[in-house]
Amino acid sequence: MKILKRYILKEHLSPFLISLLVVTFVLLIDRIIDLLNLIIEKKLPWQTIAELFGLSLPYMLALSIPMAVLVATILAFGRMSVDREIIAIKSSGVNVYSMIGPLVATAVLLTGLMVYFNHWFLPNTNHKLKNLMLKIAYYKPMTIIKPNEYTTFMDYTVFAKTTSDTLLTDVLIYDRSQTRYPRTVFAKTGNVLQKDNGNSLQIILNNGEMHERNEKEPGKYQITTFGRYVINVRDLGTRMDYFETGYRSDREMTLPQIVASLKGNKQELEAKRKETENLSKRLELTRLGPASYTREVEVRRLQSMLQMAKDRQTDLKEQVHSLQVEFHKKFSISFAIVIFVLIGIPLGLMTRTSGIGMAFSVSSVIFLIYYIALNGGEQMADKGVIPPFVSMWLSNIVFLILAILLIIASIKEKRILDMPTLMWRIKNLKNRKNPPPDEIVH
């Protein structure tokens, strides 16, 4: 018995590794297509490209590992069924499902590892990836100045009618680097030069004028014409020196950070709820007072404060829902590994195919339905339509019920799709009236 259990578990190793490589490669190709324009446009160094895809790999693995488990399970049991090994096991009086204990235990262990991966490792890599993308956005900033568009970097907003690698025409620049009143600069042409390995940018403007207000005398307006004017934009950070930004979105938060953020938001939400109640009462009492200019001013002030409190309350509710969704989502996707094993076993037995194409097709359909349901639930939960717990665990519950039904059907020797018989009938269309031979059927 122990040998048989180990054999079933061993049969999953190669299909799992192959499936993981294939699925991850497909996701990586999709990522390459998304980033190809950025890589070419920015002319990124190979070290940055390698770091970019290295940091993109973890969130691909978060999706590819559960799918690889499903593919491996269907392939392993499908091959054993095609090679009559399942028949041999049943002929010995052994129930196949009594042999899957180590397989399920391994799936549970992998689920635990995925919980750690999704709640600690993945958020940190997502945060680093976001920071790297911000650095890339400032790398070779000339490439982000698009014709007929406003582009903001550092304390400058730049508009140009046409652009090339180094030349701008009909240039408009808002300079906020020196005073609280933006300095407006117009020029017919401009040249852009990168300095200090791209860490600084020099904009040389030709034939233009500069409009500015005096900070000490706001009523004073000055216009200066120039033949040549130079703007130096320093410390762009385009050397790709790594840096950390403090802000993290819900997908960049580890489990303790999500819990702490949820606690803080709920406390603030409760405070805003009480504040809204108090402001509403004060507004009602103020309206009951005698009509006067002072009362009207106070009513408008309280209405404004009440609306601000309500808006903040709405924002906090959305943040709480989003954090709760992310909390449950990472657990539910991890637990999907166990469910996919339970679905894959009867599917492999009932389809009777050892072909990787069929296994991938069936797995893709199942995983696509699961992922669409998960994303749909996430969007509805973010809007507060359904509770976050229900939205993230409903797919698992439905698929668990489906797995139980499939297991019952496979125990009763039912088949969803008999691939050997189907392939025999396709090859023998002329003799379709004849029944397939026993070695095909059984």
Foldseek 3Di string as FASTA:
>chain_A
DVVLLVVLQVQLVVLLVVQLVVQLVVVLVVVCVVCVVLCVLLVDDVVLVVLLSVLVSLVSSLQSNLLSLLLSLLQSLLQCQLVCVCVVCVVVVHDPVVSCVVVLVVLVVQLVVLLCSQQPVNLQSVQQSVQSVLLSCLRLVLSVQQAQDWDDDDQKIKYANDGDSFKGAQIWMFGCPPDVWTKIKTAGMWTWDAPDNNQKIKIKGAFIKIWDADRVHRVDIDIGTDGIDMDMGHRSNNVSPGDGDDDGALSNHHPVRLVVVLVVLVVVLVVLVVVLVVLVVVLVVLVPDDDDPVSVVVNVVSVVVNVVSVVVNVVSQLRNLLSLLSNLQSSLSSSSSSLSSLQSNLQSNQASDNDSVVSSVVSVVLSVVLVVQLVVLSVCSSVVNDPSNCSRCVSVVVSNVVSVVSVVCVVVVHHPHHVLQVVVCVVPVVVNVDHDDPSSVD
